[in-house]
């Protein structure tokens, strides 16, 4: 695994989700407020591509930015397919 520590990985933070009929999504406009179902207050799932790699909680930074404090690393079995995530 020499050199893997130099590889860049894009992470995304998922706050929650919800299924919508396509007709409703097409009706969304600027300023629309969309309610999502979240697992708990301020709980975030960190993803590398489509694969969930960690969970955390939102914390405010001194500069007003939101940050994620990692609370749990998610493990995968070597036999798990990344496409099944």
N, C-alpha and C. Protein backbone atom coordinates (compact mmCIF):
# COMPACT_ATOMS: atom_id res chain seq x y z
N UNK A 1 0.81 -1.20 0.00
CA UNK A 1 0.00 0.00 0.00
C UNK A 1 0.86 1.26 0.00
N UNK A 2 2.08 1.12 -0.39
CA UNK A 2 2.96 2.27 -0.45
C UNK A 2 2.43 3.26 -1.47
N UNK A 3 2.35 4.53 -1.07
CA UNK A 3 1.89 5.57 -1.97
C UNK A 3 0.40 5.87 -1.90
N UNK A 4 -0.38 5.01 -1.27
CA UNK A 4 -1.82 5.26 -1.19
C UNK A 4 -2.14 6.48 -0.34
N UNK A 5 -1.24 6.84 0.57
CA UNK A 5 -1.48 8.01 1.41
C UNK A 5 -1.42 9.30 0.61
N UNK A 6 -1.00 9.24 -0.65
CA UNK A 6 -0.92 10.42 -1.51
C UNK A 6 -2.13 10.55 -2.44
N UNK A 7 -3.00 9.52 -2.47
CA UNK A 7 -4.17 9.53 -3.35
C UNK A 7 -5.24 10.44 -2.77
N UNK A 8 -5.80 11.32 -3.59
CA UNK A 8 -6.88 12.21 -3.16
C UNK A 8 -8.22 11.50 -3.32
N UNK A 9 -9.08 11.65 -2.32
CA UNK A 9 -10.41 11.05 -2.34
C UNK A 9 -11.43 12.16 -2.06
N UNK A 10 -12.43 12.28 -2.91
CA UNK A 10 -13.48 13.27 -2.70
C UNK A 10 -14.51 12.68 -1.73
N UNK A 11 -14.76 13.40 -0.64
CA UNK A 11 -15.78 12.98 0.33
C UNK A 11 -17.00 13.88 0.19
N UNK A 12 -18.17 13.30 0.39
CA UNK A 12 -19.39 14.09 0.45
C UNK A 12 -20.06 13.80 1.78
N UNK A 13 -20.81 14.78 2.28
CA UNK A 13 -21.51 14.64 3.55
C UNK A 13 -23.01 14.59 3.27
N UNK A 14 -23.64 13.51 3.67
CA UNK A 14 -25.07 13.31 3.43
C UNK A 14 -25.83 13.53 4.73
N UNK A 15 -26.73 14.49 4.71
CA UNK A 15 -27.49 14.82 5.91
C UNK A 15 -28.74 13.96 6.05
N UNK A 16 -29.28 13.52 4.97
CA UNK A 16 -30.50 12.73 5.00
C UNK A 16 -31.01 12.55 3.58
N UNK A 17 -32.14 11.97 3.44
CA UNK A 17 -32.68 11.75 2.11
C UNK A 17 -34.16 11.48 2.15
N UNK A 18 -34.74 11.41 0.97
CA UNK A 18 -36.16 11.14 0.86
C UNK A 18 -36.48 10.85 -0.59
N UNK A 19 -37.42 9.98 -0.84
CA UNK A 19 -37.86 9.67 -2.20
C UNK A 19 -38.99 10.62 -2.57
N UNK A 20 -38.95 11.11 -3.82
CA UNK A 20 -39.99 11.99 -4.35
C UNK A 20 -40.43 11.47 -5.70
N UNK A 21 -41.70 11.63 -6.02
CA UNK A 21 -42.13 11.33 -7.40
C UNK A 21 -41.44 12.32 -8.35
N UNK A 22 -41.07 11.86 -9.53
CA UNK A 22 -40.37 12.70 -10.49
C UNK A 22 -41.16 13.97 -10.80
N UNK A 23 -42.48 13.87 -10.90
CA UNK A 23 -43.29 15.06 -11.17
C UNK A 23 -43.12 16.13 -10.12
N UNK A 24 -42.97 15.72 -8.85
CA UNK A 24 -42.77 16.69 -7.78
C UNK A 24 -41.39 17.32 -7.87
N UNK A 25 -40.37 16.51 -8.19
CA UNK A 25 -39.00 17.03 -8.33
C UNK A 25 -38.95 18.06 -9.47
N UNK A 26 -39.63 17.78 -10.56
CA UNK A 26 -39.64 18.70 -11.69
C UNK A 26 -40.31 20.03 -11.34
N UNK A 27 -41.15 20.02 -10.29
CA UNK A 27 -41.81 21.23 -9.85
C UNK A 27 -41.00 22.06 -8.87
N UNK A 28 -39.86 21.53 -8.41
CA UNK A 28 -39.01 22.30 -7.50
C UNK A 28 -38.49 23.54 -8.22
N UNK A 29 -38.44 24.61 -7.52
CA UNK A 29 -37.89 25.83 -8.09
C UNK A 29 -36.97 26.50 -7.11
N UNK A 30 -36.44 27.62 -7.53
CA UNK A 30 -35.54 28.38 -6.67
C UNK A 30 -36.28 28.74 -5.38
N UNK A 31 -35.64 28.50 -4.25
CA UNK A 31 -36.24 28.81 -2.96
C UNK A 31 -37.11 27.70 -2.39
N UNK A 32 -37.23 26.58 -3.12
CA UNK A 32 -38.02 25.46 -2.61
C UNK A 32 -37.39 24.94 -1.32
N UNK A 33 -38.22 24.60 -0.36
CA UNK A 33 -37.76 24.01 0.90
C UNK A 33 -38.14 22.54 0.85
N UNK A 34 -37.12 21.67 0.95
CA UNK A 34 -37.33 20.24 0.81
C UNK A 34 -37.05 19.57 2.14
N UNK A 35 -38.05 18.93 2.70
CA UNK A 35 -37.88 18.23 3.98
C UNK A 35 -37.29 16.86 3.71
N UNK A 36 -36.25 16.50 4.45
CA UNK A 36 -35.61 15.19 4.30
C UNK A 36 -35.73 14.41 5.59
N UNK A 37 -35.64 13.11 5.46
CA UNK A 37 -35.65 12.24 6.63
C UNK A 37 -34.21 11.98 7.03
N UNK A 38 -33.86 12.32 8.25
CA UNK A 38 -32.49 12.14 8.74
C UNK A 38 -32.51 11.14 9.90
N UNK A 39 -31.42 10.39 10.07
CA UNK A 39 -31.37 9.39 11.14
C UNK A 39 -31.37 9.99 12.54
N UNK A 40 -31.04 11.23 12.69
CA UNK A 40 -31.00 11.87 14.00
C UNK A 40 -30.56 13.30 13.84
N UNK A 41 -30.67 14.08 14.89
CA UNK A 41 -30.28 15.48 14.78
C UNK A 41 -28.79 15.64 14.50
N UNK A 42 -28.48 16.29 13.43
CA UNK A 42 -27.12 16.64 13.07
C UNK A 42 -26.22 15.43 12.80
N UNK A 43 -26.80 14.29 12.43
CA UNK A 43 -26.01 13.11 12.08
C UNK A 43 -25.72 13.15 10.58
N UNK A 44 -24.47 12.89 10.21
CA UNK A 44 -24.02 12.98 8.84
C UNK A 44 -23.36 11.68 8.43
N UNK A 45 -23.59 11.23 7.20
CA UNK A 45 -22.88 10.09 6.64
C UNK A 45 -21.84 10.63 5.67
N UNK A 46 -20.59 10.24 5.85
CA UNK A 46 -19.52 10.63 4.93
C UNK A 46 -19.37 9.54 3.88
N UNK A 47 -19.33 9.94 2.62
CA UNK A 47 -19.22 8.99 1.51
C UNK A 47 -18.01 9.31 0.64
N UNK A 48 -17.36 8.26 0.19
CA UNK A 48 -16.32 8.35 -0.83
C UNK A 48 -16.95 7.74 -2.07
N UNK A 49 -17.37 8.60 -2.98
CA UNK A 49 -18.18 8.11 -4.11
C UNK A 49 -19.52 7.65 -3.57
N UNK A 50 -19.91 6.43 -3.89
CA UNK A 50 -21.18 5.89 -3.41
C UNK A 50 -21.03 5.07 -2.14
N UNK A 51 -19.81 4.96 -1.63
CA UNK A 51 -19.53 4.09 -0.49
C UNK A 51 -19.50 4.89 0.81
N UNK A 52 -20.35 4.52 1.77
CA UNK A 52 -20.35 5.15 3.09
C UNK A 52 -19.10 4.69 3.84
N UNK A 53 -18.30 5.66 4.31
CA UNK A 53 -17.05 5.31 4.99
C UNK A 53 -17.05 5.70 6.47
N UNK A 54 -17.91 6.65 6.86
CA UNK A 54 -17.92 7.09 8.25
C UNK A 54 -19.23 7.80 8.56
N UNK A 55 -19.50 7.94 9.85
CA UNK A 55 -20.61 8.76 10.33
C UNK A 55 -20.04 9.80 11.27
N UNK A 56 -20.74 10.89 11.39
CA UNK A 56 -20.27 11.94 12.28
C UNK A 56 -21.41 12.87 12.65
N UNK A 57 -21.04 13.94 13.33
CA UNK A 57 -22.06 14.92 13.71
C UNK A 57 -21.58 16.30 13.29
N UNK A 58 -22.54 17.15 12.95
CA UNK A 58 -22.21 18.51 12.55
C UNK A 58 -21.82 19.33 13.77
N UNK A 59 -20.77 20.10 13.62
CA UNK A 59 -20.36 21.02 14.68
C UNK A 59 -20.04 22.37 14.03
N UNK A 60 -20.41 23.46 14.69
CA UNK A 60 -20.12 24.77 14.12
C UNK A 60 -18.66 25.15 14.35
N UNK A 61 -18.05 25.76 13.34
CA UNK A 61 -16.69 26.26 13.48
C UNK A 61 -16.73 27.70 13.97
N UNK A 62 -15.63 28.16 14.51
CA UNK A 62 -15.54 29.53 15.02
C UNK A 62 -15.76 30.55 13.91
N UNK A 63 -15.45 30.16 12.66
CA UNK A 63 -15.60 31.08 11.53
C UNK A 63 -16.99 31.01 10.90
N UNK A 64 -17.89 30.24 11.51
CA UNK A 64 -19.26 30.12 11.00
C UNK A 64 -19.45 28.95 10.05
N UNK A 65 -18.37 28.29 9.65
CA UNK A 65 -18.47 27.14 8.75
C UNK A 65 -18.93 25.91 9.53
N UNK A 66 -19.59 24.99 8.84
CA UNK A 66 -19.97 23.72 9.46
C UNK A 66 -18.84 22.73 9.27
N UNK A 67 -18.62 21.92 10.28
CA UNK A 67 -17.61 20.87 10.23
C UNK A 67 -18.26 19.55 10.63
N UNK A 68 -17.61 18.47 10.29
CA UNK A 68 -18.10 17.14 10.66
C UNK A 68 -17.09 16.50 11.58
N UNK A 69 -17.53 16.13 12.77
CA UNK A 69 -16.69 15.38 13.71
C UNK A 69 -17.00 13.90 13.50
N UNK A 70 -16.01 13.12 13.10
CA UNK A 70 -16.22 11.69 12.84
C UNK A 70 -16.46 10.98 14.17
N UNK A 71 -17.57 10.25 14.23
CA UNK A 71 -17.92 9.53 15.46
C UNK A 71 -17.83 8.01 15.28
N UNK A 72 -17.86 7.55 14.02
CA UNK A 72 -17.80 6.11 13.78
C UNK A 72 -17.29 5.85 12.37
N UNK A 73 -16.28 4.98 12.26
CA UNK A 73 -15.80 4.53 10.96
C UNK A 73 -16.61 3.31 10.56
N UNK A 74 -17.02 3.27 9.31
CA UNK A 74 -17.80 2.15 8.80
C UNK A 74 -16.87 1.20 8.07
N UNK A 75 -16.95 -0.07 8.37
CA UNK A 75 -16.08 -1.05 7.75
C UNK A 75 -16.86 -1.86 6.73
N UNK A 76 -16.13 -2.37 5.77
CA UNK A 76 -16.72 -3.21 4.73
C UNK A 76 -15.91 -4.50 4.66
N UNK A 77 -16.59 -5.59 4.34
CA UNK A 77 -15.89 -6.85 4.11
C UNK A 77 -15.22 -6.79 2.74
N UNK A 78 -14.12 -7.48 2.58
CA UNK A 78 -13.39 -7.50 1.31
C UNK A 78 -14.26 -8.03 0.18
N UNK A 79 -15.27 -8.84 0.52
CA UNK A 79 -16.14 -9.43 -0.52
C UNK A 79 -17.28 -8.50 -0.90
N UNK A 80 -17.48 -7.40 -0.18
CA UNK A 80 -18.56 -6.47 -0.52
C UNK A 80 -18.22 -5.74 -1.82
N UNK A 81 -19.20 -5.61 -2.65
CA UNK A 81 -19.01 -4.88 -3.90
C UNK A 81 -19.28 -3.40 -3.67
N UNK A 82 -18.41 -2.51 -4.15
CA UNK A 82 -18.66 -1.08 -3.99
C UNK A 82 -19.90 -0.64 -4.77
N UNK A 83 -20.32 -1.43 -5.76
CA UNK A 83 -21.49 -1.07 -6.54
C UNK A 83 -22.78 -1.37 -5.79
N UNK A 84 -22.70 -2.18 -4.74
CA UNK A 84 -23.88 -2.53 -3.97
C UNK A 84 -24.18 -1.49 -2.91
N UNK A 85 -23.30 -0.53 -2.71
CA UNK A 85 -23.47 0.49 -1.66
C UNK A 85 -24.56 1.45 -2.01
